[in-house]
């Protein structure tokens, strides 16, 4: 079907970007319990993969060029899939913030409609009193949250974790 080796290499490269991106997004959807959409992604991923592998194996072209195109497309596909996932798929995250003084940060976060809880904790020296602010939010709001906190306390310790579920809160 493809006589020109450069054209075939380009097709293999682009197809690998597509199927690997679909695979990356599919994996995130599986973890987030979007089974119908993940199933559709899996079907498309394997269809693209099968069609391009069939063509790549059937060609008389230089196998090293095909292999390099295949591997390069896969690597780029991982990056594209990560970008799509981060940019377009909303996820629940929890954010733990450790600070010395909490009142200003708590008020600022409440003013920006973040759901929070505050606990008094001890620091690494087991003597000094600090505060842990727990925030349940989405990945899309983390950048704003970080800016609010660091504008008030540039030494705040912030940890962000993905959550599978969030139940309750406001």
C-alpha atoms as a PDB file:
ATOM      1  CA  UNK A   1       0.000   0.000   0.000  1.00  0.00           C
ATOM      2  CA  UNK A   2       2.795   2.452   0.919  1.00  0.00           C
ATOM      3  CA  UNK A   3       5.660   2.476  -1.605  1.00  0.00           C
ATOM      4  CA  UNK A   4       7.582   5.481  -0.356  1.00  0.00           C
ATOM      5  CA  UNK A   5       9.627   4.632   2.778  1.00  0.00           C
ATOM      6  CA  UNK A   6       9.584   8.229   4.056  1.00  0.00           C
ATOM      7  CA  UNK A   7       5.805   8.361   3.739  1.00  0.00           C
ATOM      8  CA  UNK A   8       5.487   4.999   5.501  1.00  0.00           C
ATOM      9  CA  UNK A   9       7.768   6.143   8.305  1.00  0.00           C
ATOM     10  CA  UNK A  10       5.679   9.290   8.731  1.00  0.00           C
ATOM     11  CA  UNK A  11       2.438   7.276   8.788  1.00  0.00           C
ATOM     12  CA  UNK A  12       3.894   4.870  11.381  1.00  0.00           C
ATOM     13  CA  UNK A  13       5.115   7.794  13.494  1.00  0.00           C
ATOM     14  CA  UNK A  14       1.751   9.615  13.462  1.00  0.00           C
ATOM     15  CA  UNK A  15      -0.260   6.425  13.998  1.00  0.00           C
ATOM     16  CA  UNK A  16       1.861   5.544  17.050  1.00  0.00           C
ATOM     17  CA  UNK A  17       1.263   9.015  18.463  1.00  0.00           C
ATOM     18  CA  UNK A  18      -2.481   8.471  18.039  1.00  0.00           C
ATOM     19  CA  UNK A  19      -2.696   4.974  19.475  1.00  0.00           C
ATOM     20  CA  UNK A  20      -0.310   5.652  22.372  1.00  0.00           C
ATOM     21  CA  UNK A  21      -2.165   8.864  23.265  1.00  0.00           C
ATOM     22  CA  UNK A  22      -5.416   6.905  23.257  1.00  0.00           C
ATOM     23  CA  UNK A  23      -3.790   4.295  25.487  1.00  0.00           C
ATOM     24  CA  UNK A  24      -2.583   6.889  27.980  1.00  0.00           C
ATOM     25  CA  UNK A  25      -5.969   8.599  28.170  1.00  0.00           C
ATOM     26  CA  UNK A  26      -7.706   5.199  28.381  1.00  0.00           C
ATOM     27  CA  UNK A  27      -5.599   4.220  31.391  1.00  0.00           C
ATOM     28  CA  UNK A  28      -6.539   7.422  33.221  1.00  0.00           C
ATOM     29  CA  UNK A  29     -10.218   6.872  32.385  1.00  0.00           C
ATOM     30  CA  UNK A  30     -10.042   3.305  33.733  1.00  0.00           C
ATOM     31  CA  UNK A  31      -8.572   4.547  37.007  1.00  0.00           C
ATOM     32  CA  UNK A  32     -11.349   7.155  37.203  1.00  0.00           C
ATOM     33  CA  UNK A  33     -14.119   4.587  36.510  1.00  0.00           C
ATOM     34  CA  UNK A  34     -15.175   5.915  33.087  1.00  0.00           C
ATOM     35  CA  UNK A  35     -15.577   2.411  31.712  1.00  0.00           C
ATOM     36  CA  UNK A  36     -17.676   3.182  28.616  1.00  0.00           C
ATOM     37  CA  UNK A  37     -15.333   5.885  27.331  1.00  0.00           C
ATOM     38  CA  UNK A  38     -12.286   3.771  28.243  1.00  0.00           C
ATOM     39  CA  UNK A  39     -13.725   0.852  26.263  1.00  0.00           C
ATOM     40  CA  UNK A  40     -14.242   3.056  23.205  1.00  0.00           C
ATOM     41  CA  UNK A  41     -10.673   4.359  23.519  1.00  0.00           C
ATOM     42  CA  UNK A  42      -9.346   0.784  23.785  1.00  0.00           C
ATOM     43  CA  UNK A  43     -11.150  -0.233  20.604  1.00  0.00           C
ATOM     44  CA  UNK A  44      -9.774   2.725  18.634  1.00  0.00           C
ATOM     45  CA  UNK A  45      -6.280   2.255  20.071  1.00  0.00           C
ATOM     46  CA  UNK A  46      -6.026  -1.387  19.031  1.00  0.00           C
ATOM     47  CA  UNK A  47      -7.596  -0.751  15.627  1.00  0.00           C
ATOM     48  CA  UNK A  48      -5.030   1.945  14.802  1.00  0.00           C
ATOM     49  CA  UNK A  49      -2.205  -0.182  16.197  1.00  0.00           C
ATOM     50  CA  UNK A  50      -3.241  -3.264  14.201  1.00  0.00           C
ATOM     51  CA  UNK A  51      -3.593  -1.407  10.907  1.00  0.00           C
ATOM     52  CA  UNK A  52      -0.242   0.310  11.174  1.00  0.00           C
ATOM     53  CA  UNK A  53       1.675  -2.751  12.403  1.00  0.00           C
ATOM     54  CA  UNK A  54       0.237  -4.786   9.548  1.00  0.00           C
ATOM     55  CA  UNK A  55       1.515  -2.220   7.040  1.00  0.00           C
ATOM     56  CA  UNK A  56       4.889  -1.844   8.738  1.00  0.00           C
ATOM     57  CA  UNK A  57       5.520  -5.593   8.783  1.00  0.00           C
ATOM     58  CA  UNK A  58       4.389  -6.076   5.193  1.00  0.00           C
ATOM     59  CA  UNK A  59       6.796  -3.526   3.726  1.00  0.00           C
ATOM     60  CA  UNK A  60      10.126  -4.202   2.093  1.00  0.00           C
ATOM     61  CA  UNK A  61      11.479  -0.918   3.507  1.00  0.00           C
ATOM     62  CA  UNK A  62      14.509  -0.650   5.747  1.00  0.00           C
ATOM     63  CA  UNK A  63      13.372  -2.200   9.073  1.00  0.00           C
ATOM     64  CA  UNK A  64      15.552   0.100  11.189  1.00  0.00           C
ATOM     65  CA  UNK A  65      13.779   3.173   9.773  1.00  0.00           C
ATOM     66  CA  UNK A  66      10.383   1.626  10.529  1.00  0.00           C
ATOM     67  CA  UNK A  67      11.535   0.665  14.051  1.00  0.00           C
ATOM     68  CA  UNK A  68      12.833   4.191  14.722  1.00  0.00           C
ATOM     69  CA  UNK A  69       9.574   5.709  13.460  1.00  0.00           C
ATOM     70  CA  UNK A  70       7.586   3.271  15.593  1.00  0.00           C
ATOM     71  CA  UNK A  71       9.590   3.981  18.769  1.00  0.00           C
ATOM     72  CA  UNK A  72       9.652   7.756  18.186  1.00  0.00           C
ATOM     73  CA  UNK A  73       5.900   7.808  17.644  1.00  0.00           C
ATOM     74  CA  UNK A  74       5.387   5.843  20.843  1.00  0.00           C
ATOM     75  CA  UNK A  75       7.540   8.259  22.862  1.00  0.00           C
ATOM     76  CA  UNK A  76       5.752  11.297  21.424  1.00  0.00           C
ATOM     77  CA  UNK A  77       2.417   9.588  22.013  1.00  0.00           C
ATOM     78  CA  UNK A  78       3.167   9.255  25.714  1.00  0.00           C
ATOM     79  CA  UNK A  79       3.861  13.001  25.906  1.00  0.00           C
ATOM     80  CA  UNK A  80       0.731  13.868  23.924  1.00  0.00           C
ATOM     81  CA  UNK A  81      -1.382  11.529  26.066  1.00  0.00           C
ATOM     82  CA  UNK A  82      -0.057  13.083  29.262  1.00  0.00           C
ATOM     83  CA  UNK A  83      -0.783  16.566  27.911  1.00  0.00           C
ATOM     84  CA  UNK A  84      -4.345  15.591  26.960  1.00  0.00           C
ATOM     85  CA  UNK A  85      -4.919  13.989  30.340  1.00  0.00           C
ATOM     86  CA  UNK A  86      -3.587  16.950  32.305  1.00  0.00           C
ATOM     87  CA  UNK A  87      -5.310  19.540  30.168  1.00  0.00           C
ATOM     88  CA  UNK A  88      -8.712  18.050  29.438  1.00  0.00           C
ATOM     89  CA  UNK A  89      -9.581  15.426  32.043  1.00  0.00           C
ATOM     90  CA  UNK A  90     -10.661  16.827  35.374  1.00  0.00           C
ATOM     91  CA  UNK A  91      -9.632  14.879  38.446  1.00  0.00           C
ATOM     92  CA  UNK A  92     -10.133  15.127  42.180  1.00  0.00           C
ATOM     93  CA  UNK A  93      -7.063  15.987  44.210  1.00  0.00           C
ATOM     94  CA  UNK A  94      -6.299  16.501  47.855  1.00  0.00           C
ATOM     95  CA  UNK A  95      -3.853  19.164  48.901  1.00  0.00           C
ATOM     96  CA  UNK A  96      -2.083  19.187  52.261  1.00  0.00           C
ATOM     97  CA  UNK A  97      -0.557  22.510  53.243  1.00  0.00           C
ATOM     98  CA  UNK A  98       1.689  22.906  56.289  1.00  0.00           C
ATOM     99  CA  UNK A  99       2.141  26.461  57.571  1.00  0.00           C
ATOM    100  CA  UNK A 100       3.123  28.264  60.777  1.00  0.00           C
ATOM    101  CA  UNK A 101       0.166  30.645  60.733  1.00  0.00           C
ATOM    102  CA  UNK A 102      -3.105  29.547  59.181  1.00  0.00           C
ATOM    103  CA  UNK A 103      -5.700  32.305  59.658  1.00  0.00           C
ATOM    104  CA  UNK A 104      -4.812  34.436  56.598  1.00  0.00           C
ATOM    105  CA  UNK A 105      -4.474  31.418  54.323  1.00  0.00           C
ATOM    106  CA  UNK A 106      -7.683  29.825  55.609  1.00  0.00           C
ATOM    107  CA  UNK A 107      -9.635  33.043  55.036  1.00  0.00           C
ATOM    108  CA  UNK A 108      -8.170  33.499  51.542  1.00  0.00           C
ATOM    109  CA  UNK A 109      -8.986  29.901  50.564  1.00  0.00           C
ATOM    110  CA  UNK A 110     -12.543  30.198  51.911  1.00  0.00           C
ATOM    111  CA  UNK A 111     -12.948  33.485  50.004  1.00  0.00           C
ATOM    112  CA  UNK A 112     -12.008  31.576  46.835  1.00  0.00           C
ATOM    113  CA  UNK A 113     -14.544  28.771  47.548  1.00  0.00           C
ATOM    114  CA  UNK A 114     -12.105  26.023  48.497  1.00  0.00           C
ATOM    115  CA  UNK A 115     -13.373  23.307  50.844  1.00  0.00           C
ATOM    116  CA  UNK A 116     -10.895  23.079  53.727  1.00  0.00           C
ATOM    117  CA  UNK A 117     -10.197  21.515  57.102  1.00  0.00           C
ATOM    118  CA  UNK A 118      -7.500  22.634  59.535  1.00  0.00           C
ATOM    119  CA  UNK A 119      -5.578  20.651  62.138  1.00  0.00           C
ATOM    120  CA  UNK A 120      -2.908  21.709  64.599  1.00  0.00           C
ATOM    121  CA  UNK A 121       0.231  19.589  64.127  1.00  0.00           C
ATOM    122  CA  UNK A 122       3.825  19.407  65.339  1.00  0.00           C
ATOM    123  CA  UNK A 123       6.752  20.038  63.024  1.00  0.00           C
ATOM    124  CA  UNK A 124       9.814  17.842  62.576  1.00  0.00           C
ATOM    125  CA  UNK A 125      11.257  19.102  65.871  1.00  0.00           C
ATOM    126  CA  UNK A 126       8.138  17.804  67.699  1.00  0.00           C
ATOM    127  CA  UNK A 127       7.971  21.078  69.606  1.00  0.00           C
ATOM    128  CA  UNK A 128       6.866  23.861  67.281  1.00  0.00           C
ATOM    129  CA  UNK A 129       3.191  24.191  66.533  1.00  0.00           C
ATOM    130  CA  UNK A 130       2.128  24.267  62.927  1.00  0.00           C
ATOM    131  CA  UNK A 131      -1.099  23.893  61.034  1.00  0.00           C
ATOM    132  CA  UNK A 132      -2.119  21.379  58.378  1.00  0.00           C
ATOM    133  CA  UNK A 133      -4.720  22.699  55.975  1.00  0.00           C
ATOM    134  CA  UNK A 134      -6.446  19.935  54.025  1.00  0.00           C
ATOM    135  CA  UNK A 135      -8.106  21.003  50.775  1.00  0.00           C
ATOM    136  CA  UNK A 136     -10.300  18.853  48.522  1.00  0.00           C
ATOM    137  CA  UNK A 137     -10.411  20.314  45.013  1.00  0.00           C
ATOM    138  CA  UNK A 138      -9.784  19.498  41.353  1.00  0.00           C
ATOM    139  CA  UNK A 139      -6.561  19.449  39.360  1.00  0.00           C
ATOM    140  CA  UNK A 140      -7.759  22.529  37.454  1.00  0.00           C
ATOM    141  CA  UNK A 141      -7.793  24.644  40.615  1.00  0.00           C
ATOM    142  CA  UNK A 142      -4.396  23.625  42.009  1.00  0.00           C
ATOM    143  CA  UNK A 143      -2.501  26.420  40.248  1.00  0.00           C
ATOM    144  CA  UNK A 144      -4.794  29.068  41.784  1.00  0.00           C
ATOM    145  CA  UNK A 145      -4.577  27.411  45.195  1.00  0.00           C
ATOM    146  CA  UNK A 146      -0.766  27.356  45.050  1.00  0.00           C
ATOM    147  CA  UNK A 147      -0.651  31.035  44.134  1.00  0.00           C
ATOM    148  CA  UNK A 148      -3.008  32.024  46.976  1.00  0.00           C
ATOM    149  CA  UNK A 149      -0.981  30.080  49.534  1.00  0.00           C
ATOM    150  CA  UNK A 150       2.506  31.075  48.366  1.00  0.00           C
ATOM    151  CA  UNK A 151       1.534  34.755  48.047  1.00  0.00           C
ATOM    152  CA  UNK A 152       0.740  34.670  51.776  1.00  0.00           C
ATOM    153  CA  UNK A 153       3.435  32.210  52.936  1.00  0.00           C
ATOM    154  CA  UNK A 154       6.311  31.547  50.551  1.00  0.00           C
ATOM    155  CA  UNK A 155       7.636  28.835  52.905  1.00  0.00           C
ATOM    156  CA  UNK A 156       4.436  26.784  52.953  1.00  0.00           C
ATOM    157  CA  UNK A 157       4.893  23.037  52.439  1.00  0.00           C
ATOM    158  CA  UNK A 158       2.358  21.828  49.853  1.00  0.00           C
ATOM    159  CA  UNK A 159       1.642  18.224  48.813  1.00  0.00           C
ATOM    160  CA  UNK A 160      -0.867  17.399  46.051  1.00  0.00           C
ATOM    161  CA  UNK A 161      -2.275  13.867  45.631  1.00  0.00           C
ATOM    162  CA  UNK A 162      -4.739  12.365  43.150  1.00  0.00           C
ATOM    163  CA  UNK A 163      -7.977  10.988  44.581  1.00  0.00           C
ATOM    164  CA  UNK A 164     -10.255   8.435  43.039  1.00  0.00           C
ATOM    165  CA  UNK A 165     -13.386   9.737  44.787  1.00  0.00           C
ATOM    166  CA  UNK A 166     -14.580  12.741  46.666  1.00  0.00           C
ATOM    167  CA  UNK A 167     -17.773  12.447  48.654  1.00  0.00           C
ATOM    168  CA  UNK A 168     -19.273  15.357  50.545  1.00  0.00           C
ATOM    169  CA  UNK A 169     -17.751  18.741  51.179  1.00  0.00           C
ATOM    170  CA  UNK A 170     -19.061  21.863  49.507  1.00  0.00           C
END
